[in-house]
N, C-alpha and C. Protein backbone atom coordinates (compact mmCIF):
# COMPACT_ATOMS: atom_id res chain seq x y z
N MET A 1 34.40 -17.57 -22.27
CA MET A 1 33.00 -16.62 -21.47
C MET A 1 33.85 -16.21 -20.15
N THR A 2 34.08 -17.15 -19.36
CA THR A 2 34.39 -16.85 -17.98
C THR A 2 35.18 -15.81 -17.60
N SER A 3 36.83 -15.17 -18.71
CA SER A 3 37.31 -14.50 -18.41
C SER A 3 36.60 -13.16 -18.68
N LYS A 4 35.51 -13.31 -19.29
CA LYS A 4 34.99 -11.93 -19.78
C LYS A 4 33.86 -11.98 -18.75
N LEU A 5 33.63 -12.74 -17.84
CA LEU A 5 32.16 -12.44 -17.09
C LEU A 5 33.38 -11.74 -15.81
N ARG A 6 34.55 -12.59 -15.56
CA ARG A 6 35.47 -11.87 -14.43
C ARG A 6 36.02 -10.71 -14.55
N ALA A 7 36.27 -10.30 -15.69
CA ALA A 7 36.48 -8.97 -16.11
C ALA A 7 35.84 -7.69 -16.42
N ALA A 8 34.57 -8.33 -16.00
CA ALA A 8 33.65 -6.78 -16.28
C ALA A 8 33.56 -6.09 -15.56
N PRO A 9 33.47 -6.86 -13.92
CA PRO A 9 34.09 -6.03 -12.75
C PRO A 9 35.07 -4.63 -13.29
N VAL A 10 36.00 -5.24 -13.51
CA VAL A 10 37.60 -4.66 -13.87
C VAL A 10 36.96 -3.50 -14.88
N LEU A 11 36.57 -3.81 -15.93
CA LEU A 11 36.60 -2.81 -16.91
C LEU A 11 34.93 -1.59 -16.32
N ALA A 12 33.71 -2.50 -15.99
CA ALA A 12 33.32 -1.66 -15.32
C ALA A 12 33.70 -0.45 -14.20
N GLY A 13 34.49 -0.96 -13.40
CA GLY A 13 35.29 0.25 -12.63
C GLY A 13 36.47 1.41 -13.90
N LEU A 14 36.43 1.03 -14.29
CA LEU A 14 37.66 1.65 -15.07
C LEU A 14 36.74 2.31 -16.19
N LEU A 15 36.09 2.08 -16.54
CA LEU A 15 34.56 2.99 -17.55
C LEU A 15 34.00 4.12 -16.98
N LEU A 16 33.71 3.68 -15.48
CA LEU A 16 32.38 4.57 -14.86
C LEU A 16 33.57 5.09 -13.80
N PRO A 17 32.56 6.66 -13.73
CA PRO A 17 33.70 7.31 -12.26
C PRO A 17 33.18 6.88 -11.10
N ALA A 18 34.10 6.63 -10.26
CA ALA A 18 34.15 6.10 -8.85
C ALA A 18 32.74 6.92 -7.76
N THR A 19 32.40 8.00 -8.04
CA THR A 19 31.40 8.48 -7.83
C THR A 19 30.30 8.97 -8.56
N LEU A 20 29.29 9.28 -8.29
CA LEU A 20 28.39 9.74 -9.25
C LEU A 20 28.38 10.93 -9.33
N PRO A 21 27.92 11.49 -10.49
CA PRO A 21 27.46 12.95 -10.35
C PRO A 21 26.96 13.39 -9.33
N ALA A 22 26.92 14.55 -8.72
CA ALA A 22 25.96 15.11 -7.45
C ALA A 22 24.21 14.93 -8.37
N ALA A 23 24.05 15.38 -9.28
CA ALA A 23 22.46 15.59 -9.81
C ALA A 23 21.73 14.14 -9.52
N ALA A 24 23.22 12.38 -10.18
CA ALA A 24 23.10 11.46 -9.75
C ALA A 24 22.71 11.20 -8.58
N GLN A 25 23.44 11.17 -7.25
CA GLN A 25 23.19 11.35 -6.37
C GLN A 25 22.43 11.94 -5.33
N GLY A 26 21.51 12.95 -6.12
CA GLY A 26 20.15 13.48 -5.41
C GLY A 26 18.94 12.35 -5.09
N VAL A 27 18.63 11.59 -6.06
CA VAL A 27 17.51 10.67 -5.70
C VAL A 27 17.38 9.41 -4.17
N PRO A 28 17.29 9.37 -3.53
CA PRO A 28 17.24 8.74 -2.27
C PRO A 28 17.04 7.07 -3.00
N VAL A 29 17.88 6.43 -2.29
CA VAL A 29 17.25 4.97 -2.44
C VAL A 29 16.94 3.95 -1.13
N LYS A 30 16.21 3.49 -1.51
CA LYS A 30 15.60 3.14 0.27
C LYS A 30 16.27 1.54 0.11
N GLU A 31 16.27 0.85 -1.01
CA GLU A 31 16.47 -0.46 -1.28
C GLU A 31 17.63 -0.51 -2.46
N LEU A 32 18.77 -0.99 -2.74
CA LEU A 32 19.49 -1.00 -3.91
C LEU A 32 19.50 -2.63 -4.20
N ILE A 33 19.25 -3.29 -5.34
CA ILE A 33 19.41 -4.58 -5.55
C ILE A 33 20.21 -4.69 -6.86
N VAL A 34 21.37 -5.53 -6.80
CA VAL A 34 21.50 -5.21 -7.69
C VAL A 34 21.88 -7.20 -8.69
N ALA A 35 21.17 -7.33 -10.09
CA ALA A 35 20.91 -8.06 -10.26
C ALA A 35 21.81 -9.44 -10.57
N THR A 36 22.17 -10.41 -10.03
CA THR A 36 23.12 -11.38 -10.52
C THR A 36 22.52 -12.66 -10.48
N ALA A 37 23.01 -13.99 -11.79
CA ALA A 37 22.34 -14.84 -12.23
C ALA A 37 22.91 -15.76 -11.46
N PRO A 38 20.72 -16.18 -10.85
CA PRO A 38 20.78 -17.03 -9.92
C PRO A 38 21.57 -18.78 -10.12
N SER A 39 21.42 -19.15 -9.40
CA SER A 39 22.09 -21.01 -9.73
C SER A 39 21.09 -21.19 -10.30
N ALA A 40 21.04 -22.68 -11.36
CA ALA A 40 19.79 -22.86 -12.00
C ALA A 40 19.13 -23.34 -11.24
N ALA A 41 19.04 -24.05 -9.74
CA ALA A 41 18.27 -24.45 -8.84
C ALA A 41 17.56 -23.92 -8.33
N GLN A 42 17.78 -22.67 -8.32
CA GLN A 42 17.42 -21.06 -7.37
C GLN A 42 15.96 -20.80 -8.80
N ARG A 43 17.10 -20.56 -9.76
CA ARG A 43 16.08 -19.92 -11.03
C ARG A 43 14.57 -20.78 -11.56
N ALA A 44 15.16 -22.36 -11.39
CA ALA A 44 14.00 -22.99 -11.49
C ALA A 44 12.78 -22.74 -10.65
N SER A 45 13.46 -23.14 -9.03
CA SER A 45 12.23 -22.53 -7.78
C SER A 45 11.48 -21.51 -8.52
N VAL A 46 12.16 -20.23 -8.46
CA VAL A 46 11.77 -18.72 -8.38
C VAL A 46 10.85 -19.24 -9.46
N GLU A 47 11.30 -19.80 -10.69
CA GLU A 47 10.12 -19.22 -12.07
C GLU A 47 9.13 -20.35 -11.82
N LYS A 48 9.37 -21.36 -11.07
CA LYS A 48 7.68 -22.25 -10.94
C LYS A 48 7.12 -21.86 -9.91
N ALA A 49 7.44 -20.86 -8.82
CA ALA A 49 6.64 -20.40 -8.52
C ALA A 49 5.79 -18.87 -8.81
N ALA A 50 6.33 -18.00 -9.68
CA ALA A 50 6.18 -17.37 -10.50
C ALA A 50 4.79 -17.56 -11.70
N ARG A 51 5.73 -18.87 -11.93
CA ARG A 51 4.59 -19.77 -13.34
C ARG A 51 3.04 -20.10 -12.45
N ALA A 52 3.66 -20.93 -11.13
CA ALA A 52 2.20 -20.78 -10.96
C ALA A 52 1.13 -19.96 -10.38
N PHE A 53 1.65 -18.65 -9.88
CA PHE A 53 0.94 -17.62 -9.27
C PHE A 53 0.23 -16.92 -10.83
N TYR A 54 1.25 -16.90 -11.69
CA TYR A 54 0.38 -16.18 -13.27
C TYR A 54 -0.69 -16.96 -13.43
N ASN A 55 -0.17 -18.43 -13.28
CA ASN A 55 -1.35 -19.13 -14.33
C ASN A 55 -2.53 -19.10 -13.60
N PHE A 56 -2.44 -18.80 -11.98
CA PHE A 56 -3.69 -18.76 -10.89
C PHE A 56 -4.46 -17.54 -11.39
N TRP A 57 -3.78 -16.45 -12.45
CA TRP A 57 -4.16 -15.02 -12.59
C TRP A 57 -5.09 -15.52 -14.09
N ASN A 58 -4.43 -16.40 -14.50
CA ASN A 58 -5.06 -16.81 -15.96
C ASN A 58 -6.09 -17.61 -15.57
N THR A 59 -6.08 -18.03 -14.75
CA THR A 59 -7.27 -19.37 -14.80
C THR A 59 -8.06 -18.91 -13.58
N GLY A 60 -7.87 -18.50 -12.70
CA GLY A 60 -8.47 -18.16 -11.68
C GLY A 60 -8.57 -19.82 -10.22
N ASN A 61 -7.76 -20.96 -10.90
CA ASN A 61 -7.53 -22.05 -10.34
C ASN A 61 -6.66 -21.70 -9.06
N ALA A 62 -7.80 -22.00 -7.33
CA ALA A 62 -7.00 -21.41 -6.31
C ALA A 62 -5.79 -22.70 -5.97
N ALA A 63 -6.33 -23.78 -6.38
CA ALA A 63 -4.52 -24.91 -6.36
C ALA A 63 -3.93 -24.21 -6.60
N LEU A 64 -3.94 -23.54 -7.79
CA LEU A 64 -2.53 -22.99 -8.08
C LEU A 64 -1.82 -21.86 -7.19
N LEU A 65 -2.73 -21.41 -6.88
CA LEU A 65 -2.86 -20.06 -5.86
C LEU A 65 -1.88 -20.51 -4.37
N HIS A 66 -2.70 -21.75 -3.66
CA HIS A 66 -1.84 -22.43 -3.06
C HIS A 66 -0.63 -23.08 -3.12
N GLU A 67 -0.51 -23.30 -4.76
CA GLU A 67 0.88 -23.93 -4.72
C GLU A 67 2.05 -22.69 -4.49
N ALA A 68 1.27 -21.79 -5.17
CA ALA A 68 2.66 -20.87 -5.42
C ALA A 68 2.63 -19.39 -4.09
N LEU A 69 1.91 -19.50 -3.18
CA LEU A 69 1.89 -18.33 -2.09
C LEU A 69 2.52 -19.14 -1.03
N ALA A 70 3.33 -18.70 -0.30
CA ALA A 70 3.44 -19.36 0.89
C ALA A 70 2.83 -19.04 2.31
N PRO A 71 2.67 -19.40 3.30
CA PRO A 71 1.57 -18.93 4.40
C PRO A 71 1.59 -17.42 4.94
N GLY A 72 2.98 -16.88 5.24
CA GLY A 72 2.60 -15.59 5.45
C GLY A 72 2.87 -14.54 4.17
N PHE A 73 2.51 -14.67 3.33
CA PHE A 73 2.59 -14.03 1.82
C PHE A 73 2.18 -12.65 2.34
N ILE A 74 2.72 -11.52 2.18
CA ILE A 74 2.51 -10.27 1.86
C ILE A 74 2.06 -9.84 0.98
N ASP A 75 0.88 -8.97 1.25
CA ASP A 75 0.63 -8.07 -0.43
C ASP A 75 1.05 -6.24 0.48
N HIS A 76 2.61 -5.91 -0.58
CA HIS A 76 2.75 -4.86 -0.33
C HIS A 76 2.08 -2.99 -0.49
N THR A 77 0.78 -3.80 -1.29
CA THR A 77 -0.08 -2.37 -2.06
C THR A 77 -1.23 -2.97 -2.16
N LEU A 78 -1.79 -3.36 -1.07
CA LEU A 78 -3.02 -3.73 -0.56
C LEU A 78 -4.26 -2.90 -0.53
N PRO A 79 -4.82 -3.06 -1.67
CA PRO A 79 -5.95 -2.03 -1.88
C PRO A 79 -7.27 -2.43 -0.68
N PRO A 80 -7.55 -0.99 -0.63
CA PRO A 80 -8.67 -0.96 0.48
C PRO A 80 -9.68 -2.11 -0.28
N GLY A 81 -10.20 -3.01 1.25
CA GLY A 81 -11.22 -3.72 1.14
C GLY A 81 -10.75 -5.68 0.74
N ARG A 82 -9.36 -5.41 0.28
CA ARG A 82 -9.00 -7.05 0.30
C ARG A 82 -8.37 -7.22 1.24
N PRO A 83 -8.29 -8.59 1.21
CA PRO A 83 -8.10 -9.15 2.75
C PRO A 83 -6.12 -9.53 3.13
N GLN A 84 -5.62 -9.14 3.61
CA GLN A 84 -3.75 -9.13 3.46
C GLN A 84 -3.60 -10.80 3.49
N GLY A 85 -2.67 -11.14 2.98
CA GLY A 85 -2.50 -13.01 3.17
C GLY A 85 -2.92 -13.36 2.14
N PRO A 86 -2.20 -14.76 2.39
CA PRO A 86 -2.81 -15.50 0.81
C PRO A 86 -4.02 -15.43 0.68
N GLU A 87 -5.09 -15.27 1.26
CA GLU A 87 -6.87 -14.76 0.70
C GLU A 87 -7.06 -13.94 -0.18
N GLY A 88 -5.97 -12.54 0.01
CA GLY A 88 -6.01 -11.73 -1.00
C GLY A 88 -5.97 -11.63 -2.43
N PRO A 89 -5.00 -12.54 -2.63
CA PRO A 89 -5.29 -12.57 -4.18
C PRO A 89 -6.49 -13.63 -4.54
N ALA A 90 -7.05 -14.48 -3.90
CA ALA A 90 -7.91 -15.74 -4.23
C ALA A 90 -9.27 -14.78 -4.01
N PHE A 91 -9.56 -13.76 -3.41
CA PHE A 91 -10.49 -12.50 -3.00
C PHE A 91 -10.76 -11.96 -4.69
N ALA A 92 -9.72 -11.32 -4.53
CA ALA A 92 -8.98 -9.87 -5.66
C ALA A 92 -9.80 -11.30 -7.02
N SER A 93 -8.90 -12.32 -7.03
CA SER A 93 -9.69 -12.50 -8.24
C SER A 93 -10.98 -13.46 -8.57
N ARG A 94 -11.63 -14.20 -7.40
CA ARG A 94 -12.87 -14.01 -7.19
C ARG A 94 -14.20 -13.22 -7.45
N ASN A 95 -14.01 -11.57 -7.25
CA ASN A 95 -14.47 -10.76 -7.59
C ASN A 95 -14.50 -10.28 -9.02
N PHE A 96 -12.75 -10.06 -9.52
CA PHE A 96 -13.06 -9.88 -10.47
C PHE A 96 -13.19 -10.48 -11.77
N ARG A 97 -13.23 -12.07 -11.72
CA ARG A 97 -13.59 -12.66 -12.33
C ARG A 97 -15.75 -12.83 -12.40
N GLN A 98 -15.72 -12.31 -11.27
CA GLN A 98 -17.57 -11.90 -11.27
C GLN A 98 -17.82 -11.00 -12.41
N ALA A 99 -16.80 -9.80 -12.57
CA ALA A 99 -17.02 -8.95 -13.62
C ALA A 99 -16.91 -9.51 -15.09
N VAL A 100 -15.36 -10.10 -14.53
CA VAL A 100 -14.91 -9.81 -16.55
C VAL A 100 -14.73 -12.02 -16.12
N PRO A 101 -16.04 -12.90 -16.02
CA PRO A 101 -15.61 -14.05 -16.59
C PRO A 101 -14.49 -14.72 -17.46
N ASP A 102 -14.67 -14.18 -17.91
CA ASP A 102 -13.52 -14.55 -19.44
C ASP A 102 -12.20 -13.93 -19.80
N LEU A 103 -11.64 -13.91 -18.21
CA LEU A 103 -10.55 -12.91 -17.77
C LEU A 103 -9.77 -13.91 -18.24
N ARG A 104 -8.48 -13.29 -19.08
CA ARG A 104 -7.03 -13.67 -19.27
C ARG A 104 -5.93 -13.07 -18.90
N VAL A 105 -4.60 -13.56 -18.75
CA VAL A 105 -3.75 -12.92 -18.35
C VAL A 105 -2.57 -13.43 -19.20
N LEU A 106 -2.03 -12.60 -19.85
CA LEU A 106 -0.78 -12.94 -20.60
C LEU A 106 0.30 -12.16 -19.89
N VAL A 107 1.61 -13.13 -19.94
CA VAL A 107 3.02 -12.38 -18.98
C VAL A 107 3.33 -12.42 -20.42
N GLU A 108 3.76 -10.92 -20.31
CA GLU A 108 4.83 -10.30 -21.41
C GLU A 108 6.19 -10.25 -21.52
N LYS A 109 6.55 -9.91 -19.76
CA LYS A 109 7.56 -10.23 -19.40
C LYS A 109 7.97 -10.71 -18.37
N MET A 110 8.72 -11.79 -17.67
CA MET A 110 9.22 -12.22 -16.70
C MET A 110 10.83 -11.72 -16.54
N ILE A 111 11.53 -11.13 -15.53
CA ILE A 111 12.57 -10.59 -15.37
C ILE A 111 12.83 -11.52 -13.87
N ILE A 112 13.98 -12.19 -13.77
CA ILE A 112 13.98 -12.94 -12.27
C ILE A 112 15.16 -12.61 -12.23
N ALA A 113 15.47 -12.36 -11.12
CA ALA A 113 17.30 -11.60 -10.58
C ALA A 113 17.20 -11.61 -8.85
N GLY A 114 17.78 -12.99 -9.01
CA GLY A 114 18.08 -13.41 -7.30
C GLY A 114 16.72 -14.10 -7.49
N ASP A 115 16.32 -13.65 -5.99
CA ASP A 115 14.67 -14.08 -5.54
C ASP A 115 13.63 -13.31 -5.61
N TYR A 116 13.59 -11.91 -7.00
CA TYR A 116 13.37 -11.23 -7.31
C TYR A 116 12.73 -11.19 -8.65
N VAL A 117 11.17 -11.13 -8.68
CA VAL A 117 10.88 -11.53 -10.27
C VAL A 117 10.17 -10.18 -10.54
N THR A 118 10.43 -9.27 -11.20
CA THR A 118 9.47 -8.70 -12.06
C THR A 118 8.65 -9.05 -13.22
N VAL A 119 7.49 -8.81 -13.19
CA VAL A 119 6.36 -9.35 -14.19
C VAL A 119 5.75 -8.46 -14.93
N HIS A 120 5.30 -8.07 -16.18
CA HIS A 120 4.40 -7.02 -16.89
C HIS A 120 3.52 -7.85 -18.11
N MET A 121 2.58 -7.64 -17.11
CA MET A 121 1.07 -8.73 -17.33
C MET A 121 0.37 -7.59 -18.87
N HIS A 122 -0.68 -8.44 -19.67
CA HIS A 122 -1.65 -7.91 -20.44
C HIS A 122 -3.00 -8.52 -19.76
N PHE A 123 -4.14 -7.88 -19.63
CA PHE A 123 -5.32 -8.41 -19.05
C PHE A 123 -6.38 -8.13 -20.12
N THR A 124 -6.91 -8.97 -20.77
CA THR A 124 -8.08 -8.91 -21.45
C THR A 124 -9.47 -9.71 -21.12
N GLY A 125 -10.42 -9.63 -21.77
CA GLY A 125 -11.48 -10.49 -21.75
C GLY A 125 -12.77 -9.68 -21.75
N HIS A 126 -14.27 -9.47 -21.70
CA HIS A 126 -15.44 -8.79 -21.48
C HIS A 126 -16.07 -8.71 -19.92
N PHE A 127 -16.32 -7.32 -20.03
CA PHE A 127 -17.05 -6.98 -18.50
C PHE A 127 -18.67 -7.31 -18.88
N THR A 128 -18.60 -8.89 -18.44
CA THR A 128 -20.32 -9.19 -18.82
C THR A 128 -20.97 -9.72 -17.76
N GLY A 129 -20.05 -9.49 -16.34
CA GLY A 129 -20.77 -9.59 -15.20
C GLY A 129 -21.04 -8.63 -14.00
N THR A 130 -20.63 -8.57 -13.03
CA THR A 130 -20.73 -7.43 -12.19
C THR A 130 -20.02 -6.77 -11.33
N LEU A 131 -19.91 -5.65 -11.30
CA LEU A 131 -19.10 -5.43 -10.36
C LEU A 131 -19.32 -4.40 -9.26
N GLY A 132 -19.93 -4.67 -8.11
CA GLY A 132 -20.66 -3.76 -7.10
C GLY A 132 -22.00 -3.07 -7.73
N ASP A 133 -22.66 -2.27 -8.03
CA ASP A 133 -23.74 -2.07 -8.50
C ASP A 133 -23.62 -2.45 -10.09
N ALA A 134 -22.38 -2.12 -10.61
CA ALA A 134 -22.69 -2.47 -11.88
C ALA A 134 -22.61 -3.29 -12.49
N ARG A 135 -23.71 -3.25 -14.03
CA ARG A 135 -23.80 -4.95 -14.88
C ARG A 135 -22.76 -4.20 -16.28
N GLY A 136 -22.01 -5.06 -16.67
CA GLY A 136 -21.58 -5.45 -17.66
C GLY A 136 -22.20 -5.75 -19.55
N SER A 137 -22.07 -4.88 -19.73
CA SER A 137 -22.77 -5.23 -21.29
C SER A 137 -21.90 -5.64 -22.02
N GLY A 138 -20.89 -6.44 -21.87
CA GLY A 138 -19.59 -7.38 -22.93
C GLY A 138 -18.76 -6.42 -23.16
N GLN A 139 -18.33 -5.37 -22.71
CA GLN A 139 -17.04 -4.15 -23.23
C GLN A 139 -15.87 -5.01 -23.15
N PRO A 140 -15.45 -5.05 -23.95
CA PRO A 140 -13.69 -5.65 -24.11
C PRO A 140 -13.12 -4.94 -22.77
N ILE A 141 -12.31 -5.64 -22.60
CA ILE A 141 -11.14 -5.32 -21.12
C ILE A 141 -9.67 -5.58 -21.71
N ASP A 142 -9.42 -4.30 -21.57
CA ASP A 142 -7.80 -4.35 -22.15
C ASP A 142 -6.96 -3.55 -21.32
N PHE A 143 -5.79 -4.20 -20.43
CA PHE A 143 -4.92 -3.09 -19.53
C PHE A 143 -3.88 -3.94 -19.09
N ILE A 144 -2.75 -3.24 -18.51
CA ILE A 144 -1.71 -3.73 -18.19
C ILE A 144 -1.82 -3.66 -16.91
N ALA A 145 -0.58 -4.82 -16.44
CA ALA A 145 -0.33 -4.65 -14.67
C ALA A 145 1.15 -4.82 -14.25
N THR A 146 1.81 -4.20 -13.76
CA THR A 146 3.33 -4.80 -13.29
C THR A 146 3.25 -5.24 -11.69
N ASP A 147 4.14 -6.64 -11.60
CA ASP A 147 4.72 -7.12 -10.35
C ASP A 147 5.60 -6.69 -10.25
N LEU A 148 5.98 -6.78 -8.48
CA LEU A 148 7.61 -6.90 -8.03
C LEU A 148 7.36 -8.33 -7.14
N ILE A 149 7.59 -9.06 -7.45
CA ILE A 149 7.34 -10.33 -6.25
C ILE A 149 8.63 -10.88 -5.84
N ARG A 150 8.77 -11.69 -4.16
CA ARG A 150 9.93 -12.04 -4.01
C ARG A 150 9.50 -13.66 -3.53
N VAL A 151 10.26 -14.18 -3.96
CA VAL A 151 10.11 -15.65 -3.78
C VAL A 151 11.30 -16.06 -2.76
N THR A 152 10.83 -16.86 -1.86
CA THR A 152 11.89 -17.43 -0.83
C THR A 152 11.11 -18.69 -0.77
N ASP A 153 12.39 -19.75 -0.77
CA ASP A 153 12.09 -21.26 -0.46
C ASP A 153 10.96 -21.79 -1.59
N GLY A 154 10.90 -21.48 -2.96
CA GLY A 154 10.24 -21.83 -3.75
C GLY A 154 8.36 -21.32 -3.71
N ARG A 155 8.94 -20.26 -3.00
CA ARG A 155 7.21 -20.09 -2.29
C ARG A 155 6.98 -18.19 -2.60
N VAL A 156 6.07 -17.79 -3.01
CA VAL A 156 6.21 -16.19 -3.19
C VAL A 156 5.23 -16.02 -1.53
N THR A 157 6.42 -15.00 -1.25
CA THR A 157 6.38 -14.51 -0.18
C THR A 157 6.10 -12.72 -0.03
N ASP A 158 6.06 -12.16 -1.24
CA ASP A 158 5.98 -10.73 -0.91
C ASP A 158 5.43 -10.42 -2.83
N ASN A 159 4.59 -9.31 -2.68
CA ASN A 159 3.91 -8.51 -3.76
C ASN A 159 3.86 -7.47 -3.75
N TRP A 160 4.90 -6.21 -4.61
CA TRP A 160 3.96 -5.19 -4.73
C TRP A 160 3.92 -4.80 -6.39
N HIS A 161 2.24 -4.06 -6.42
CA HIS A 161 1.82 -4.30 -7.18
C HIS A 161 1.15 -2.97 -8.10
N ILE A 162 1.20 -2.83 -9.37
CA ILE A 162 0.81 -1.78 -10.34
C ILE A 162 0.11 -1.76 -10.87
N GLU A 163 -1.48 -1.46 -11.58
CA GLU A 163 -2.18 -1.64 -12.42
C GLU A 163 -2.77 -0.30 -13.23
N ASP A 164 -3.35 -0.81 -14.52
CA ASP A 164 -4.02 0.29 -15.21
C ASP A 164 -5.35 0.59 -14.90
N ASN A 165 -5.71 0.74 -13.51
CA ASN A 165 -7.15 0.57 -13.36
C ASN A 165 -7.93 1.84 -14.16
N LEU A 166 -7.11 3.10 -14.48
CA LEU A 166 -8.14 4.27 -14.67
C LEU A 166 -8.27 3.70 -16.40
N ARG A 167 -7.61 3.11 -17.10
CA ARG A 167 -7.96 2.39 -18.60
C ARG A 167 -9.37 1.40 -18.10
N LEU A 168 -8.93 0.45 -17.19
CA LEU A 168 -9.94 -0.78 -16.77
C LEU A 168 -10.78 0.04 -16.56
N LEU A 169 -11.45 1.12 -15.58
CA LEU A 169 -12.84 1.66 -15.06
C LEU A 169 -12.88 2.23 -16.56
N GLN A 170 -12.69 3.05 -17.17
CA GLN A 170 -12.95 3.84 -18.31
C GLN A 170 -13.66 2.62 -18.98
N GLN A 171 -12.80 1.77 -19.82
CA GLN A 171 -13.74 0.54 -20.63
C GLN A 171 -14.93 0.05 -19.94
N MET A 172 -15.09 -0.19 -18.59
CA MET A 172 -16.38 -0.58 -18.12
C MET A 172 -17.25 0.40 -18.17
N ASP A 173 -17.00 1.64 -18.19
CA ASP A 173 -17.96 2.55 -18.47
C ASP A 173 -18.35 3.61 -17.39
N LEU A 174 -17.17 3.08 -15.96
CA LEU A 174 -17.52 3.39 -14.23
C LEU A 174 -16.83 5.22 -14.30
N VAL A 175 -15.94 5.50 -15.24
CA VAL A 175 -15.20 6.69 -15.09
C VAL A 175 -15.53 7.43 -16.82
N PRO A 176 -15.45 8.63 -16.41
CA PRO A 176 -15.52 8.79 -18.09
C PRO A 176 -14.16 8.90 -18.99
N LYS A 177 -14.40 8.72 -19.95
CA LYS A 177 -13.14 8.52 -20.86
C LYS A 177 -12.85 9.91 -21.70
N PRO A 178 -11.75 10.18 -21.52
CA PRO A 178 -11.28 11.55 -22.07
C PRO A 178 -11.63 11.94 -23.50
């Protein structure tokens, strides 16, 4: 197995052109991260922090959030009205659980690449509470989200996220369905 791993870069160099075609070079890439297999200790540390973070989203248990997040945590896609730092996810969870008290999160895929983790989630529940002035009447909630988190020294330091908010708001009857 080791010989195959060592040969892989050589084979890749032989099989891939030295330069990319002009069309492939046209998209600017701000940061390129090439995944390498983390050591067993790094993988365990990164996975532990990621699991604590997503267990927090599944349960709303603030102790899990405290375990997962670094004090200097940064949300790089901070929505308006949400505080920056570790209080941001706590604020979001409290507010969302007021609307969907039975919220559940299933991690569909978790990809660890060094200190970065990509997580694809599936949220479910029922809109039985309130969101702003809107009151739910039990509408089922079923939407997806994807995060990219960075874990340093066993704690989540950064998060970039995107949620299917249009589908969520349509399910809550807050925006028209097509």
